Amino acid sequence: GRTYYADSVKGRFTISRDNAKNTMYLQMNSLE
């Protein structure tokens, strides 16, 4: 329900989780 990001990654990274799979993800785009 809530996500938080460091300013340096806002708009580029997305955190998510799948509780059914006991897994969390970090999608990282526009990497520098």
PDB file of all heavy atoms in Angstrom:
ATOM      1  N   GLY A   1       0.797  -1.211   0.000  1.00  0.00           N
ATOM      2  CA  GLY A   1       0.000   0.000   0.000  1.00  0.00           C
ATOM      3  C   GLY A   1       0.837   1.272   0.000  1.00  0.00           C
ATOM      4  O   GLY A   1       0.358   2.333  -0.391  1.00  0.00           O
ATOM      5  N   ARG A   2       2.064   1.179   0.464  1.00  0.00           N
ATOM      6  CA  ARG A   2       2.941   2.349   0.512  1.00  0.00           C
ATOM      7  C   ARG A   2       4.326   1.969   0.025  1.00  0.00           C
ATOM      8  O   ARG A   2       4.849   0.925   0.384  1.00  0.00           O
ATOM      9  CB  ARG A   2       3.033   2.906   1.924  1.00  0.00           C
ATOM     10  CG  ARG A   2       1.770   3.553   2.427  1.00  0.00           C
ATOM     11  CD  ARG A   2       1.983   4.231   3.753  1.00  0.00           C
ATOM     12  NE  ARG A   2       0.773   4.859   4.259  1.00  0.00           N
ATOM     13  CZ  ARG A   2       0.696   5.577   5.352  1.00  0.00           C
ATOM     14  NH1 ARG A   2       1.790   5.781   6.080  1.00  0.00           N
ATOM     15  NH2 ARG A   2      -0.435   6.108   5.740  1.00  0.00           N
ATOM     16  N   THR A   3       4.879   2.870  -0.750  1.00  0.00           N
ATOM     17  CA  THR A   3       6.249   2.715  -1.206  1.00  0.00           C
ATOM     18  C   THR A   3       6.989   4.028  -1.004  1.00  0.00           C
ATOM     19  O   THR A   3       6.381   5.108  -1.037  1.00  0.00           O
ATOM     20  CB  THR A   3       6.327   2.317  -2.688  1.00  0.00           C
ATOM     21  OG1 THR A   3       5.632   3.306  -3.477  1.00  0.00           O
ATOM     22  CG2 THR A   3       5.685   0.956  -2.936  1.00  0.00           C
ATOM     23  N   TYR A   4       8.285   3.922  -0.781  1.00  0.00           N
ATOM     24  CA  TYR A   4       9.122   5.104  -0.594  1.00  0.00           C
ATOM     25  C   TYR A   4      10.399   4.927  -1.408  1.00  0.00           C
ATOM     26  O   TYR A   4      10.897   3.809  -1.554  1.00  0.00           O
ATOM     27  CB  TYR A   4       9.461   5.299   0.880  1.00  0.00           C
ATOM     28  CG  TYR A   4       8.277   5.624   1.741  1.00  0.00           C
ATOM     29  CD1 TYR A   4       7.621   4.628   2.460  1.00  0.00           C
ATOM     30  CD2 TYR A   4       7.789   6.917   1.835  1.00  0.00           C
ATOM     31  CE1 TYR A   4       6.521   4.908   3.243  1.00  0.00           C
ATOM     32  CE2 TYR A   4       6.693   7.215   2.617  1.00  0.00           C
ATOM     33  CZ  TYR A   4       6.058   6.208   3.324  1.00  0.00           C
ATOM     34  OH  TYR A   4       4.968   6.505   4.094  1.00  0.00           O
ATOM     35  N   TYR A   5      10.895   6.041  -1.905  1.00  0.00           N
ATOM     36  CA  TYR A   5      12.084   6.011  -2.742  1.00  0.00           C
ATOM     37  C   TYR A   5      13.056   7.102  -2.333  1.00  0.00           C
ATOM     38  O   TYR A   5      12.659   8.188  -1.908  1.00  0.00           O
ATOM     39  CB  TYR A   5      11.719   6.212  -4.212  1.00  0.00           C
ATOM     40  CG  TYR A   5      10.847   5.129  -4.793  1.00  0.00           C
ATOM     41  CD1 TYR A   5       9.463   5.242  -4.775  1.00  0.00           C
ATOM     42  CD2 TYR A   5      11.413   3.994  -5.351  1.00  0.00           C
ATOM     43  CE1 TYR A   5       8.661   4.245  -5.291  1.00  0.00           C
ATOM     44  CE2 TYR A   5      10.621   2.990  -5.877  1.00  0.00           C
ATOM     45  CZ  TYR A   5       9.244   3.125  -5.844  1.00  0.00           C
ATOM     46  OH  TYR A   5       8.452   2.138  -6.363  1.00  0.00           O
ATOM     47  N   ALA A   6      14.323   6.808  -2.500  1.00  0.00           N
ATOM     48  CA  ALA A   6      15.332   7.857  -2.389  1.00  0.00           C
ATOM     49  C   ALA A   6      15.145   8.827  -3.548  1.00  0.00           C
ATOM     50  O   ALA A   6      14.747   8.419  -4.652  1.00  0.00           O
ATOM     51  CB  ALA A   6      16.722   7.245  -2.428  1.00  0.00           C
ATOM     52  N   ASP A   7      15.441  10.085  -3.318  1.00  0.00           N
ATOM     53  CA  ASP A   7      15.270  11.083  -4.374  1.00  0.00           C
ATOM     54  C   ASP A   7      16.084  10.731  -5.612  1.00  0.00           C
ATOM     55  O   ASP A   7      15.672  11.010  -6.740  1.00  0.00           O
ATOM     56  CB  ASP A   7      15.684  12.459  -3.862  1.00  0.00           C
ATOM     57  CG  ASP A   7      14.684  13.036  -2.871  1.00  0.00           C
ATOM     58  OD1 ASP A   7      13.539  12.542  -2.815  1.00  0.00           O
ATOM     59  OD2 ASP A   7      15.060  13.980  -2.148  1.00  0.00           O
ATOM     60  N   SER A   8      17.223  10.100  -5.397  1.00  0.00           N
ATOM     61  CA  SER A   8      18.130   9.814  -6.509  1.00  0.00           C
ATOM     62  C   SER A   8      17.580   8.762  -7.478  1.00  0.00           C
ATOM     63  O   SER A   8      18.068   8.655  -8.607  1.00  0.00           O
ATOM     64  CB  SER A   8      19.480   9.351  -5.976  1.00  0.00           C
ATOM     65  OG  SER A   8      19.333   8.189  -5.166  1.00  0.00           O
ATOM     66  N   VAL A   9      16.567   7.999  -7.046  1.00  0.00           N
ATOM     67  CA  VAL A   9      16.044   6.939  -7.917  1.00  0.00           C
ATOM     68  C   VAL A   9      14.577   7.148  -8.283  1.00  0.00           C
ATOM     69  O   VAL A   9      14.025   6.368  -9.075  1.00  0.00           O
ATOM     70  CB  VAL A   9      16.229   5.543  -7.274  1.00  0.00           C
ATOM     71  CG1 VAL A   9      17.679   5.318  -6.880  1.00  0.00           C
ATOM     72  CG2 VAL A   9      15.295   5.332  -6.102  1.00  0.00           C
ATOM     73  N   LYS A  10      13.939   8.159  -7.718  1.00  0.00           N
ATOM     74  CA  LYS A  10      12.527   8.408  -8.023  1.00  0.00           C
ATOM     75  C   LYS A  10      12.315   8.591  -9.512  1.00  0.00           C
ATOM     76  O   LYS A  10      13.059   9.302 -10.177  1.00  0.00           O
ATOM     77  CB  LYS A  10      12.048   9.656  -7.288  1.00  0.00           C
ATOM     78  CG  LYS A  10      11.559   9.409  -5.890  1.00  0.00           C
ATOM     79  CD  LYS A  10      11.075  10.706  -5.256  1.00  0.00           C
ATOM     80  CE  LYS A  10      10.767  10.508  -3.799  1.00  0.00           C
ATOM     81  NZ  LYS A  10      10.420  11.773  -3.124  1.00  0.00           N
ATOM     82  N   GLY A  11      11.282   7.943 -10.002  1.00  0.00           N
ATOM     83  CA  GLY A  11      10.972   8.035 -11.416  1.00  0.00           C
ATOM     84  C   GLY A  11      11.741   7.064 -12.289  1.00  0.00           C
ATOM     85  O   GLY A  11      11.423   6.895 -13.462  1.00  0.00           O
ATOM     86  N   ARG A  12      12.766   6.427 -11.722  1.00  0.00           N
ATOM     87  CA  ARG A  12      13.563   5.452 -12.494  1.00  0.00           C
ATOM     88  C   ARG A  12      13.423   4.036 -11.941  1.00  0.00           C
ATOM     89  O   ARG A  12      13.445   3.075 -12.715  1.00  0.00           O
ATOM     90  CB  ARG A  12      15.039   5.853 -12.473  1.00  0.00           C
ATOM     91  CG  ARG A  12      15.323   7.219 -13.062  1.00  0.00           C
ATOM     92  CD  ARG A  12      16.828   7.466 -13.196  1.00  0.00           C
ATOM     93  NE  ARG A  12      17.507   7.445 -11.901  1.00  0.00           N
ATOM     94  CZ  ARG A  12      18.505   6.610 -11.601  1.00  0.00           C
ATOM     95  NH1 ARG A  12      18.940   5.745 -12.487  1.00  0.00           N
ATOM     96  NH2 ARG A  12      19.085   6.672 -10.405  1.00  0.00           N
ATOM     97  N   PHE A  13      13.294   3.904 -10.645  1.00  0.00           N
ATOM     98  CA  PHE A  13      13.210   2.596 -10.001  1.00  0.00           C
ATOM     99  C   PHE A  13      11.785   2.367  -9.499  1.00  0.00           C
ATOM    100  O   PHE A  13      11.108   3.307  -9.073  1.00  0.00           O
ATOM    101  CB  PHE A  13      14.159   2.512  -8.811  1.00  0.00           C
ATOM    102  CG  PHE A  13      15.627   2.483  -9.149  1.00  0.00           C
ATOM    103  CD1 PHE A  13      16.096   2.753 -10.433  1.00  0.00           C
ATOM    104  CD2 PHE A  13      16.555   2.181  -8.169  1.00  0.00           C
ATOM    105  CE1 PHE A  13      17.450   2.728 -10.737  1.00  0.00           C
ATOM    106  CE2 PHE A  13      17.912   2.148  -8.443  1.00  0.00           C
ATOM    107  CZ  PHE A  13      18.355   2.430  -9.732  1.00  0.00           C
ATOM    108  N   THR A  14      11.364   1.109  -9.497  1.00  0.00           N
ATOM    109  CA  THR A  14      10.064   0.733  -8.961  1.00  0.00           C
ATOM    110  C   THR A  14      10.221  -0.489  -8.073  1.00  0.00           C
ATOM    111  O   THR A  14      10.739  -1.523  -8.519  1.00  0.00           O
ATOM    112  CB  THR A  14       9.066   0.429 -10.080  1.00  0.00           C
ATOM    113  OG1 THR A  14       8.940   1.562 -10.944  1.00  0.00           O
ATOM    114  CG2 THR A  14       7.697   0.085  -9.503  1.00  0.00           C
ATOM    115  N   ILE A  15       9.756  -0.363  -6.837  1.00  0.00           N
ATOM    116  CA  ILE A  15       9.781  -1.482  -5.912  1.00  0.00           C
ATOM    117  C   ILE A  15       8.412  -2.150  -5.909  1.00  0.00           C
ATOM    118  O   ILE A  15       7.377  -1.481  -6.018  1.00  0.00           O
ATOM    119  CB  ILE A  15      10.173  -1.019  -4.487  1.00  0.00           C
ATOM    120  CG1 ILE A  15      10.419  -2.216  -3.583  1.00  0.00           C
ATOM    121  CG2 ILE A  15       9.128  -0.083  -3.902  1.00  0.00           C
ATOM    122  CD1 ILE A  15      11.015  -1.835  -2.204  1.00  0.00           C
ATOM    123  N   SER A  16       8.412  -3.464  -5.816  1.00  0.00           N
ATOM    124  CA  SER A  16       7.158  -4.198  -5.762  1.00  0.00           C
ATOM    125  C   SER A  16       7.385  -5.505  -5.015  1.00  0.00           C
ATOM    126  O   SER A  16       8.525  -5.877  -4.735  1.00  0.00           O
ATOM    127  CB  SER A  16       6.617  -4.469  -7.172  1.00  0.00           C
ATOM    128  OG  SER A  16       7.526  -5.280  -7.908  1.00  0.00           O
ATOM    129  N   ARG A  17       6.289  -6.167  -4.694  1.00  0.00           N
ATOM    130  CA  ARG A  17       6.398  -7.449  -4.019  1.00  0.00           C
ATOM    131  C   ARG A  17       5.258  -8.354  -4.433  1.00  0.00           C
ATOM    132  O   ARG A  17       4.175  -7.883  -4.786  1.00  0.00           O
ATOM    133  CB  ARG A  17       6.407  -7.267  -2.497  1.00  0.00           C
ATOM    134  CG  ARG A  17       5.136  -6.689  -1.925  1.00  0.00           C
ATOM    135  CD  ARG A  17       5.317  -6.316  -0.448  1.00  0.00           C
ATOM    136  NE  ARG A  17       5.607  -7.475   0.378  1.00  0.00           N
ATOM    137  CZ  ARG A  17       6.089  -7.396   1.623  1.00  0.00           C
ATOM    138  NH1 ARG A  17       6.360  -6.207   2.150  1.00  0.00           N
ATOM    139  NH2 ARG A  17       6.301  -8.492   2.320  1.00  0.00           N
ATOM    140  N   ASP A  18       5.522  -9.636  -4.396  1.00  0.00           N
ATOM    141  CA  ASP A  18       4.513 -10.645  -4.664  1.00  0.00           C
ATOM    142  C   ASP A  18       4.483 -11.548  -3.439  1.00  0.00           C
ATOM    143  O   ASP A  18       5.324 -12.435  -3.285  1.00  0.00           O
ATOM    144  CB  ASP A  18       4.873 -11.438  -5.926  1.00  0.00           C
ATOM    145  CG  ASP A  18       3.796 -12.425  -6.321  1.00  0.00           C
ATOM    146  OD1 ASP A  18       2.979 -12.816  -5.469  1.00  0.00           O
ATOM    147  OD2 ASP A  18       3.773 -12.814  -7.493  1.00  0.00           O
ATOM    148  N   ASN A  19       3.522 -11.304  -2.570  1.00  0.00           N
ATOM    149  CA  ASN A  19       3.491 -12.055  -1.317  1.00  0.00           C
ATOM    150  C   ASN A  19       3.199 -13.537  -1.533  1.00  0.00           C
ATOM    151  O   ASN A  19       3.609 -14.377  -0.728  1.00  0.00           O
ATOM    152  CB  ASN A  19       2.475 -11.440  -0.360  1.00  0.00           C
ATOM    153  CG  ASN A  19       2.978 -10.133   0.241  1.00  0.00           C
ATOM    154  OD1 ASN A  19       4.164  -9.837   0.216  1.00  0.00           O
ATOM    155  ND2 ASN A  19       2.057  -9.345   0.779  1.00  0.00           N
ATOM    156  N   ALA A  20       2.511 -13.854  -2.604  1.00  0.00           N
ATOM    157  CA  ALA A  20       2.238 -15.269  -2.888  1.00  0.00           C
ATOM    158  C   ALA A  20       3.521 -16.018  -3.239  1.00  0.00           C
ATOM    159  O   ALA A  20       3.607 -17.233  -3.031  1.00  0.00           O
ATOM    160  CB  ALA A  20       1.233 -15.387  -4.023  1.00  0.00           C
ATOM    161  N   LYS A  21       4.505 -15.289  -3.742  1.00  0.00           N
ATOM    162  CA  LYS A  21       5.772 -15.906  -4.135  1.00  0.00           C
ATOM    163  C   LYS A  21       6.895 -15.608  -3.147  1.00  0.00           C
ATOM    164  O   LYS A  21       8.046 -15.974  -3.379  1.00  0.00           O
ATOM    165  CB  LYS A  21       6.190 -15.418  -5.526  1.00  0.00           C
ATOM    166  CG  LYS A  21       5.254 -15.839  -6.637  1.00  0.00           C
ATOM    167  CD  LYS A  21       5.762 -15.373  -7.999  1.00  0.00           C
ATOM    168  CE  LYS A  21       4.846 -15.841  -9.106  1.00  0.00           C
ATOM    169  NZ  LYS A  21       5.326 -15.386 -10.438  1.00  0.00           N
ATOM    170  N   ASN A  22       6.565 -14.914  -2.060  1.00  0.00           N
ATOM    171  CA  ASN A  22       7.584 -14.534  -1.058  1.00  0.00           C
ATOM    172  C   ASN A  22       8.765 -13.826  -1.707  1.00  0.00           C
ATOM    173  O   ASN A  22       9.934 -14.076  -1.371  1.00  0.00           O
ATOM    174  CB  ASN A  22       8.096 -15.771  -0.312  1.00  0.00           C
ATOM    175  CG  ASN A  22       7.071 -16.303   0.676  1.00  0.00           C
ATOM    176  OD1 ASN A  22       6.032 -15.691   0.900  1.00  0.00           O
ATOM    177  ND2 ASN A  22       7.350 -17.444   1.247  1.00  0.00           N
ATOM    178  N   THR A  23       8.473 -12.938  -2.621  1.00  0.00           N
ATOM    179  CA  THR A  23       9.535 -12.288  -3.398  1.00  0.00           C
ATOM    180  C   THR A  23       9.271 -10.797  -3.531  1.00  0.00           C
ATOM    181  O   THR A  23       8.130 -10.377  -3.730  1.00  0.00           O
ATOM    182  CB  THR A  23       9.664 -12.929  -4.789  1.00  0.00           C
ATOM    183  OG1 THR A  23       9.906 -14.330  -4.650  1.00  0.00           O
ATOM    184  CG2 THR A  23      10.813 -12.305  -5.570  1.00  0.00           C
ATOM    185  N   MET A  24      10.337 -10.031  -3.430  1.00  0.00           N
ATOM    186  CA  MET A  24      10.288  -8.589  -3.651  1.00  0.00           C
ATOM    187  C   MET A  24      11.149  -8.279  -4.876  1.00  0.00           C
ATOM    188  O   MET A  24      12.111  -9.014  -5.171  1.00  0.00           O
ATOM    189  CB  MET A  24      10.839  -7.847  -2.427  1.00  0.00           C
ATOM    190  CG  MET A  24      10.909  -6.345  -2.589  1.00  0.00           C
ATOM    191  SD  MET A  24      11.530  -5.511  -1.107  1.00  0.00           S
ATOM    192  CE  MET A  24      13.204  -6.103  -1.009  1.00  0.00           C
ATOM    193  N   TYR A  25      10.803  -7.207  -5.561  1.00  0.00           N
ATOM    194  CA  TYR A  25      11.508  -6.849  -6.791  1.00  0.00           C
ATOM    195  C   TYR A  25      11.940  -5.388  -6.757  1.00  0.00           C
ATOM    196  O   TYR A  25      11.369  -4.570  -6.052  1.00  0.00           O
ATOM    197  CB  TYR A  25      10.612  -7.072  -8.004  1.00  0.00           C
ATOM    198  CG  TYR A  25      10.047  -8.464  -8.111  1.00  0.00           C
ATOM    199  CD1 TYR A  25       8.764  -8.742  -7.645  1.00  0.00           C
ATOM    200  CD2 TYR A  25      10.793  -9.501  -8.654  1.00  0.00           C
ATOM    201  CE1 TYR A  25       8.241 -10.018  -7.729  1.00  0.00           C
ATOM    202  CE2 TYR A  25      10.274 -10.779  -8.745  1.00  0.00           C
ATOM    203  CZ  TYR A  25       8.998 -11.030  -8.272  1.00  0.00           C
ATOM    204  OH  TYR A  25       8.480 -12.302  -8.352  1.00  0.00           O
ATOM    205  N   LEU A  26      12.946  -5.092  -7.562  1.00  0.00           N
ATOM    206  CA  LEU A  26      13.344  -3.716  -7.815  1.00  0.00           C
ATOM    207  C   LEU A  26      13.601  -3.593  -9.302  1.00  0.00           C
ATOM    208  O   LEU A  26      14.603  -4.112  -9.814  1.00  0.00           O
ATOM    209  CB  LEU A  26      14.590  -3.325  -7.016  1.00  0.00           C
ATOM    210  CG  LEU A  26      14.983  -1.852  -7.137  1.00  0.00           C
ATOM    211  CD1 LEU A  26      13.945  -0.963  -6.450  1.00  0.00           C
ATOM    212  CD2 LEU A  26      16.365  -1.593  -6.537  1.00  0.00           C
ATOM    213  N   GLN A  27      12.678  -2.953  -9.991  1.00  0.00           N
ATOM    214  CA  GLN A  27      12.856  -2.681 -11.411  1.00  0.00           C
ATOM    215  C   GLN A  27      13.635  -1.391 -11.548  1.00  0.00           C
ATOM    216  O   GLN A  27      13.205  -0.340 -11.059  1.00  0.00           O
ATOM    217  CB  GLN A  27      11.498  -2.553 -12.097  1.00  0.00           C
ATOM    218  CG  GLN A  27      11.579  -2.221 -13.583  1.00  0.00           C
ATOM    219  CD  GLN A  27      12.215  -3.332 -14.398  1.00  0.00           C
ATOM    220  OE1 GLN A  27      11.903  -4.495 -14.217  1.00  0.00           O
ATOM    221  NE2 GLN A  27      13.122  -2.963 -15.301  1.00  0.00           N
ATOM    222  N   MET A  28      14.765  -1.465 -12.213  1.00  0.00           N
ATOM    223  CA  MET A  28      15.649  -0.308 -12.343  1.00  0.00           C
ATOM    224  C   MET A  28      15.772   0.057 -13.814  1.00  0.00           C
ATOM    225  O   MET A  28      16.275  -0.735 -14.619  1.00  0.00           O
ATOM    226  CB  MET A  28      17.028  -0.629 -11.756  1.00  0.00           C
ATOM    227  CG  MET A  28      16.990  -1.119 -10.328  1.00  0.00           C
ATOM    228  SD  MET A  28      18.616  -1.340  -9.581  1.00  0.00           S
ATOM    229  CE  MET A  28      19.255  -2.653 -10.614  1.00  0.00           C
ATOM    230  N   ASN A  29      15.285   1.233 -14.166  1.00  0.00           N
ATOM    231  CA  ASN A  29      15.344   1.729 -15.537  1.00  0.00           C
ATOM    232  C   ASN A  29      16.240   2.964 -15.601  1.00  0.00           C
ATOM    233  O   ASN A  29      16.548   3.568 -14.575  1.00  0.00           O
ATOM    234  CB  ASN A  29      13.941   2.076 -16.026  1.00  0.00           C
ATOM    235  CG  ASN A  29      13.019   0.874 -16.054  1.00  0.00           C
ATOM    236  OD1 ASN A  29      13.456  -0.257 -16.252  1.00  0.00           O
ATOM    237  ND2 ASN A  29      11.729   1.123 -15.845  1.00  0.00           N
ATOM    238  N   SER A  30      16.620   3.318 -16.818  1.00  0.00           N
ATOM    239  CA  SER A  30      17.461   4.507 -17.036  1.00  0.00           C
ATOM    240  C   SER A  30      18.653   4.508 -16.085  1.00  0.00           C
ATOM    241  O   SER A  30      18.954   5.521 -15.435  1.00  0.00           O
ATOM    242  CB  SER A  30      16.625   5.776 -16.839  1.00  0.00           C
ATOM    243  OG  SER A  30      15.528   5.796 -17.727  1.00  0.00           O
ATOM    244  N   LEU A  31      19.325   3.393 -16.019  1.00  0.00           N
ATOM    245  CA  LEU A  31      20.446   3.267 -15.083  1.00  0.00           C
ATOM    246  C   LEU A  31      21.588   4.201 -15.445  1.00  0.00           C
ATOM    247  O   LEU A  31      21.843   4.470 -16.638  1.00  0.00           O
ATOM    248  CB  LEU A  31      20.929   1.815 -15.053  1.00  0.00           C
ATOM    249  CG  LEU A  31      20.043   0.882 -14.225  1.00  0.00           C
ATOM    250  CD1 LEU A  31      20.295  -0.573 -14.578  1.00  0.00           C
ATOM    251  CD2 LEU A  31      20.274   1.112 -12.741  1.00  0.00           C
ATOM    252  N   GLU A  32      22.237   4.680 -14.401  1.00  0.00           N
ATOM    253  CA  GLU A  32      23.351   5.615 -14.542  1.00  0.00           C
ATOM    254  C   GLU A  32      24.589   5.019 -13.885  1.00  0.00           C
ATOM    255  O   GLU A  32      24.469   4.179 -12.981  1.00  0.00           O
ATOM    256  CB  GLU A  32      22.986   6.939 -13.854  1.00  0.00           C
ATOM    257  CG  GLU A  32      21.714   7.571 -14.361  1.00  0.00           C
ATOM    258  CD  GLU A  32      21.228   8.698 -13.465  1.00  0.00           C
ATOM    259  OE1 GLU A  32      21.803   8.887 -12.364  1.00  0.00           O
ATOM    260  OE2 GLU A  32      20.255   9.391 -13.864  1.00  0.00           O
TER     261      GLU A  32
END
